[in-house]
PDB file of N, CA and C in Angstrom:
ATOM      1  N   MET A   1     -48.087 -59.238 163.654  1.00  0.00           N
ATOM      2  CA  MET A   1     -48.818 -58.704 162.540  1.00  0.00           C
ATOM      3  C   MET A   1     -50.218 -59.314 162.555  1.00  0.00           C
ATOM      4  N   SER A   2     -51.233 -58.456 162.671  1.00  0.00           N
ATOM      5  CA  SER A   2     -52.589 -58.993 162.681  1.00  0.00           C
ATOM      6  C   SER A   2     -53.222 -58.857 161.298  1.00  0.00           C
ATOM      7  N   GLU A   3     -53.853 -59.941 160.847  1.00  0.00           N
ATOM      8  CA  GLU A   3     -54.494 -59.948 159.544  1.00  0.00           C
ATOM      9  C   GLU A   3     -55.860 -59.283 159.659  1.00  0.00           C
ATOM     10  N   LEU A   4     -56.252 -58.602 158.592  1.00  0.00           N
ATOM     11  CA  LEU A   4     -57.539 -57.926 158.559  1.00  0.00           C
ATOM     12  C   LEU A   4     -58.484 -58.659 157.627  1.00  0.00           C
ATOM     13  N   ASN A   5     -59.758 -58.577 157.915  1.00  0.00           N
ATOM     14  CA  ASN A   5     -60.787 -59.195 157.099  1.00  0.00           C
ATOM     15  C   ASN A   5     -60.950 -58.377 155.812  1.00  0.00           C
ATOM     16  N   PRO A   6     -60.856 -59.000 154.633  1.00  0.00           N
ATOM     17  CA  PRO A   6     -60.957 -58.256 153.385  1.00  0.00           C
ATOM     18  C   PRO A   6     -62.319 -57.597 153.177  1.00  0.00           C
ATOM     19  N   ILE A   7     -63.332 -58.039 153.889  1.00  0.00           N
ATOM     20  CA  ILE A   7     -64.641 -57.398 153.801  1.00  0.00           C
ATOM     21  C   ILE A   7     -64.622 -56.059 154.539  1.00  0.00           C
ATOM     22  N   GLU A   8     -63.796 -55.950 155.560  1.00  0.00           N
ATOM     23  CA  GLU A   8     -63.749 -54.745 156.387  1.00  0.00           C
ATOM     24  C   GLU A   8     -62.620 -53.798 156.018  1.00  0.00           C
ATOM     25  N   SER A   9     -61.585 -54.289 155.347  1.00  0.00           N
ATOM     26  CA  SER A   9     -60.421 -53.455 155.053  1.00  0.00           C
ATOM     27  C   SER A   9     -59.784 -53.859 153.732  1.00  0.00           C
ATOM     28  N   GLU A  10     -59.254 -52.866 153.024  1.00  0.00           N
ATOM     29  CA  GLU A  10     -58.553 -53.172 151.778  1.00  0.00           C
ATOM     30  C   GLU A  10     -57.096 -53.587 152.028  1.00  0.00           C
ATOM     31  N   PHE A  11     -56.668 -53.545 153.276  1.00  0.00           N
ATOM     32  CA  PHE A  11     -55.298 -53.880 153.629  1.00  0.00           C
ATOM     33  C   PHE A  11     -55.219 -55.285 154.218  1.00  0.00           C
ATOM     34  N   ALA A  12     -54.107 -55.951 153.952  1.00  0.00           N
ATOM     35  CA  ALA A  12     -53.931 -57.324 154.438  1.00  0.00           C
ATOM     36  C   ALA A  12     -53.660 -57.369 155.940  1.00  0.00           C
ATOM     37  N   THR A  13     -52.927 -56.372 156.440  1.00  0.00           N
ATOM     38  CA  THR A  13     -52.577 -56.369 157.864  1.00  0.00           C
ATOM     39  C   THR A  13     -52.808 -54.991 158.464  1.00  0.00           C
ATOM     40  N   SER A  14     -52.888 -54.949 159.778  1.00  0.00           N
ATOM     41  CA  SER A  14     -53.048 -53.656 160.452  1.00  0.00           C
ATOM     42  C   SER A  14     -51.804 -52.794 160.265  1.00  0.00           C
ATOM     43  N   GLU A  15     -50.648 -53.408 160.102  1.00  0.00           N
ATOM     44  CA  GLU A  15     -49.417 -52.658 159.846  1.00  0.00           C
ATOM     45  C   GLU A  15     -49.479 -51.974 158.487  1.00  0.00           C
ATOM     46  N   ASP A  16     -50.015 -52.683 157.480  1.00  0.00           N
ATOM     47  CA  ASP A  16     -50.193 -52.075 156.152  1.00  0.00           C
ATOM     48  C   ASP A  16     -51.141 -50.885 156.238  1.00  0.00           C
ATOM     49  N   ALA A  17     -52.217 -51.037 156.987  1.00  0.00           N
ATOM     50  CA  ALA A  17     -53.186 -49.957 157.141  1.00  0.00           C
ATOM     51  C   ALA A  17     -52.551 -48.757 157.838  1.00  0.00           C
ATOM     52  N   ALA A  18     -51.764 -49.002 158.875  1.00  0.00           N
ATOM     53  CA  ALA A  18     -51.107 -47.918 159.604  1.00  0.00           C
ATOM     54  C   ALA A  18     -50.075 -47.209 158.723  1.00  0.00           C
ATOM     55  N   ALA A  19     -49.349 -47.965 157.922  1.00  0.00           N
ATOM     56  CA  ALA A  19     -48.355 -47.368 157.027  1.00  0.00           C
ATOM     57  C   ALA A  19     -49.034 -46.481 155.986  1.00  0.00           C
ATOM     58  N   TYR A  20     -50.136 -46.958 155.429  1.00  0.00           N
ATOM     59  CA  TYR A  20     -50.874 -46.153 154.460  1.00  0.00           C
ATOM     60  C   TYR A  20     -51.422 -44.895 155.125  1.00  0.00           C
ATOM     61  N   ASP A  21     -51.967 -45.025 156.320  1.00  0.00           N
ATOM     62  CA  ASP A  21     -52.513 -43.882 157.041  1.00  0.00           C
ATOM     63  C   ASP A  21     -51.436 -42.821 157.271  1.00  0.00           C
ATOM     64  N   ALA A  22     -50.248 -43.244 157.679  1.00  0.00           N
ATOM     65  CA  ALA A  22     -49.148 -42.307 157.907  1.00  0.00           C
ATOM     66  C   ALA A  22     -48.753 -41.618 156.608  1.00  0.00           C
ATOM     67  N   TRP A  23     -48.647 -42.382 155.520  1.00  0.00           N
ATOM     68  CA  TRP A  23     -48.295 -41.812 154.217  1.00  0.00           C
ATOM     69  C   TRP A  23     -49.347 -40.789 153.778  1.00  0.00           C
ATOM     70  N   PHE A  24     -50.627 -41.166 153.905  1.00  0.00           N
ATOM     71  CA  PHE A  24     -51.700 -40.287 153.460  1.00  0.00           C
ATOM     72  C   PHE A  24     -51.744 -39.000 154.282  1.00  0.00           C
ATOM     73  N   ARG A  25     -51.586 -39.118 155.603  1.00  0.00           N
ATOM     74  CA  ARG A  25     -51.608 -37.936 156.455  1.00  0.00           C
ATOM     75  C   ARG A  25     -50.449 -36.995 156.126  1.00  0.00           C
ATOM     76  N   ALA A  26     -49.275 -37.552 155.832  1.00  0.00           N
ATOM     77  CA  ALA A  26     -48.123 -36.725 155.451  1.00  0.00           C
ATOM     78  C   ALA A  26     -48.386 -36.014 154.126  1.00  0.00           C
ATOM     79  N   LYS A  27     -48.994 -36.718 153.194  1.00  0.00           N
ATOM     80  CA  LYS A  27     -49.310 -36.126 151.893  1.00  0.00           C
ATOM     81  C   LYS A  27     -50.307 -34.972 152.053  1.00  0.00           C
ATOM     82  N   VAL A  28     -51.330 -35.159 152.872  1.00  0.00           N
ATOM     83  CA  VAL A  28     -52.313 -34.099 153.111  1.00  0.00           C
ATOM     84  C   VAL A  28     -51.645 -32.911 153.790  1.00  0.00           C
ATOM     85  N   GLU A  29     -50.799 -33.173 154.768  1.00  0.00           N
ATOM     86  CA  GLU A  29     -50.096 -32.089 155.474  1.00  0.00           C
ATOM     87  C   GLU A  29     -49.239 -31.276 154.501  1.00  0.00           C
ATOM     88  N   ARG A  30     -48.498 -31.962 153.623  1.00  0.00           N
ATOM     89  CA  ARG A  30     -47.685 -31.246 152.621  1.00  0.00           C
ATOM     90  C   ARG A  30     -48.561 -30.383 151.720  1.00  0.00           C
ATOM     91  N   ALA A  31     -49.683 -30.918 151.304  1.00  0.00           N
ATOM     92  CA  ALA A  31     -50.582 -30.168 150.426  1.00  0.00           C
ATOM     93  C   ALA A  31     -51.148 -28.946 151.138  1.00  0.00           C
ATOM     94  N   MET A  32     -51.504 -29.111 152.402  1.00  0.00           N
ATOM     95  CA  MET A  32     -52.099 -27.997 153.136  1.00  0.00           C
ATOM     96  C   MET A  32     -51.104 -26.887 153.427  1.00  0.00           C
ATOM     97  N   THR A  33     -49.829 -27.213 153.523  1.00  0.00           N
ATOM     98  CA  THR A  33     -48.819 -26.199 153.821  1.00  0.00           C
ATOM     99  C   THR A  33     -48.077 -25.732 152.568  1.00  0.00           C
ATOM    100  N   SER A  34     -48.498 -26.215 151.408  1.00  0.00           N
ATOM    101  CA  SER A  34     -47.843 -25.877 150.154  1.00  0.00           C
ATOM    102  C   SER A  34     -48.104 -24.422 149.757  1.00  0.00           C
ATOM    103  N   ASP A  35     -47.112 -23.812 149.135  1.00  0.00           N
ATOM    104  CA  ASP A  35     -47.257 -22.453 148.606  1.00  0.00           C
ATOM    105  C   ASP A  35     -47.629 -22.477 147.128  1.00  0.00           C
ATOM    106  N   ALA A  36     -47.792 -23.657 146.568  1.00  0.00           N
ATOM    107  CA  ALA A  36     -48.148 -23.765 145.154  1.00  0.00           C
ATOM    108  C   ALA A  36     -49.526 -23.138 144.929  1.00  0.00           C
ATOM    109  N   PRO A  37     -49.716 -22.518 143.783  1.00  0.00           N
ATOM    110  CA  PRO A  37     -51.026 -21.911 143.525  1.00  0.00           C
ATOM    111  C   PRO A  37     -52.114 -22.974 143.433  1.00  0.00           C
ATOM    112  N   SER A  38     -53.278 -22.641 143.939  1.00  0.00           N
ATOM    113  CA  SER A  38     -54.386 -23.589 143.884  1.00  0.00           C
ATOM    114  C   SER A  38     -55.095 -23.467 142.535  1.00  0.00           C
ATOM    115  N   ILE A  39     -55.855 -24.490 142.198  1.00  0.00           N
ATOM    116  CA  ILE A  39     -56.618 -24.497 140.955  1.00  0.00           C
ATOM    117  C   ILE A  39     -58.058 -24.155 141.313  1.00  0.00           C
ATOM    118  N   PRO A  40     -58.636 -23.174 140.648  1.00  0.00           N
ATOM    119  CA  PRO A  40     -60.027 -22.814 140.956  1.00  0.00           C
ATOM    120  C   PRO A  40     -60.986 -23.998 140.767  1.00  0.00           C
ATOM    121  N   HIS A  41     -62.017 -24.055 141.589  1.00  0.00           N
ATOM    122  CA  HIS A  41     -62.980 -25.141 141.570  1.00  0.00           C
ATOM    123  C   HIS A  41     -63.572 -25.350 140.175  1.00  0.00           C
ATOM    124  N   ALA A  42     -63.969 -24.277 139.528  1.00  0.00           N
ATOM    125  CA  ALA A  42     -64.596 -24.382 138.204  1.00  0.00           C
ATOM    126  C   ALA A  42     -63.642 -25.030 137.196  1.00  0.00           C
ATOM    127  N   GLU A  43     -62.361 -24.718 137.303  1.00  0.00           N
ATOM    128  CA  GLU A  43     -61.375 -25.306 136.390  1.00  0.00           C
ATOM    129  C   GLU A  43     -61.216 -26.810 136.647  1.00  0.00           C
ATOM    130  N   VAL A  44     -61.186 -27.202 137.905  1.00  0.00           N
ATOM    131  CA  VAL A  44     -61.088 -28.625 138.253  1.00  0.00           C
ATOM    132  C   VAL A  44     -62.323 -29.369 137.754  1.00  0.00           C
ATOM    133  N   MET A  45     -63.496 -28.779 137.949  1.00  0.00           N
ATOM    134  CA  MET A  45     -64.729 -29.424 137.505  1.00  0.00           C
ATOM    135  C   MET A  45     -64.757 -29.558 135.980  1.00  0.00           C
ATOM    136  N   ALA A  46     -64.251 -28.566 135.265  1.00  0.00           N
ATOM    137  CA  ALA A  46     -64.186 -28.643 133.797  1.00  0.00           C
ATOM    138  C   ALA A  46     -63.248 -29.760 133.366  1.00  0.00           C
ATOM    139  N   MET A  47     -62.111 -29.901 134.046  1.00  0.00           N
ATOM    140  CA  MET A  47     -61.175 -30.982 133.722  1.00  0.00           C
ATOM    141  C   MET A  47     -61.813 -32.345 133.989  1.00  0.00           C
ATOM    142  N   ALA A  48     -62.534 -32.457 135.109  1.00  0.00           N
ATOM    143  CA  ALA A  48     -63.211 -33.715 135.439  1.00  0.00           C
ATOM    144  C   ALA A  48     -64.286 -34.030 134.396  1.00  0.00           C
ATOM    145  N   GLN A  49     -65.018 -33.016 133.963  1.00  0.00           N
ATOM    146  CA  GLN A  49     -66.065 -33.237 132.960  1.00  0.00           C
ATOM    147  C   GLN A  49     -65.455 -33.684 131.638  1.00  0.00           C
ATOM    148  N   ASP A  50     -64.302 -33.123 131.270  1.00  0.00           N
ATOM    149  CA  ASP A  50     -63.607 -33.556 130.050  1.00  0.00           C
ATOM    150  C   ASP A  50     -63.250 -35.041 130.119  1.00  0.00           C
ATOM    151  N   ILE A  51     -62.792 -35.488 131.284  1.00  0.00           N
ATOM    152  CA  ILE A  51     -62.449 -36.905 131.459  1.00  0.00           C
ATOM    153  C   ILE A  51     -63.708 -37.760 131.352  1.00  0.00           C
ATOM    154  N   LEU A  52     -64.783 -37.343 132.005  1.00  0.00           N
ATOM    155  CA  LEU A  52     -66.038 -38.096 131.931  1.00  0.00           C
ATOM    156  C   LEU A  52     -66.557 -38.167 130.492  1.00  0.00           C
ATOM    157  N   ASP A  53     -66.484 -37.046 129.790  1.00  0.00           N
ATOM    158  CA  ASP A  53     -66.960 -37.008 128.403  1.00  0.00           C
ATOM    159  C   ASP A  53     -66.139 -37.943 127.503  1.00  0.00           C
ATOM    160  N   LYS A  54     -64.863 -38.051 127.798  1.00  0.00           N
ATOM    161  CA  LYS A  54     -63.980 -38.906 126.996  1.00  0.00           C
ATOM    162  C   LYS A  54     -64.407 -40.370 127.062  1.00  0.00           C
ATOM    163  N   TYR A  55     -64.927 -40.795 128.209  1.00  0.00           N
ATOM    164  CA  TYR A  55     -65.281 -42.192 128.418  1.00  0.00           C
ATOM    165  C   TYR A  55     -66.790 -42.436 128.381  1.00  0.00           C
ATOM    166  N   LYS A  56     -67.531 -41.433 128.025  1.00  0.00           N
ATOM    167  CA  LYS A  56     -68.989 -41.543 127.970  1.00  0.00           C
ATOM    168  C   LYS A  56     -69.408 -42.459 126.825  1.00  0.00           C
ATOM    169  N   PRO A  57     -70.296 -43.419 127.095  1.00  0.00           N
ATOM    170  CA  PRO A  57     -70.759 -44.299 126.014  1.00  0.00           C
ATOM    171  C   PRO A  57     -71.539 -43.473 124.982  1.00  0.00           C
ATOM    172  N   ARG A  58     -71.362 -43.833 123.749  1.00  0.00           N
ATOM    173  CA  ARG A  58     -72.044 -43.082 122.677  1.00  0.00           C
ATOM    174  C   ARG A  58     -73.222 -43.805 122.174  1.00  0.00           C
TER     175      ARG A  58
END
């Protein structure tokens, strides 16, 4: 197990980084092959703006 420099990586070891990479790639693959309906861009942006507005300093 090789340790990684915290300045260069958020993972403690190269094995942790590889495990995360495999998990993330599988998640992206599932999303890309999903038959679930997509959310229109404008709707996603409106939801994001609602979140930003909620935490906006007054």
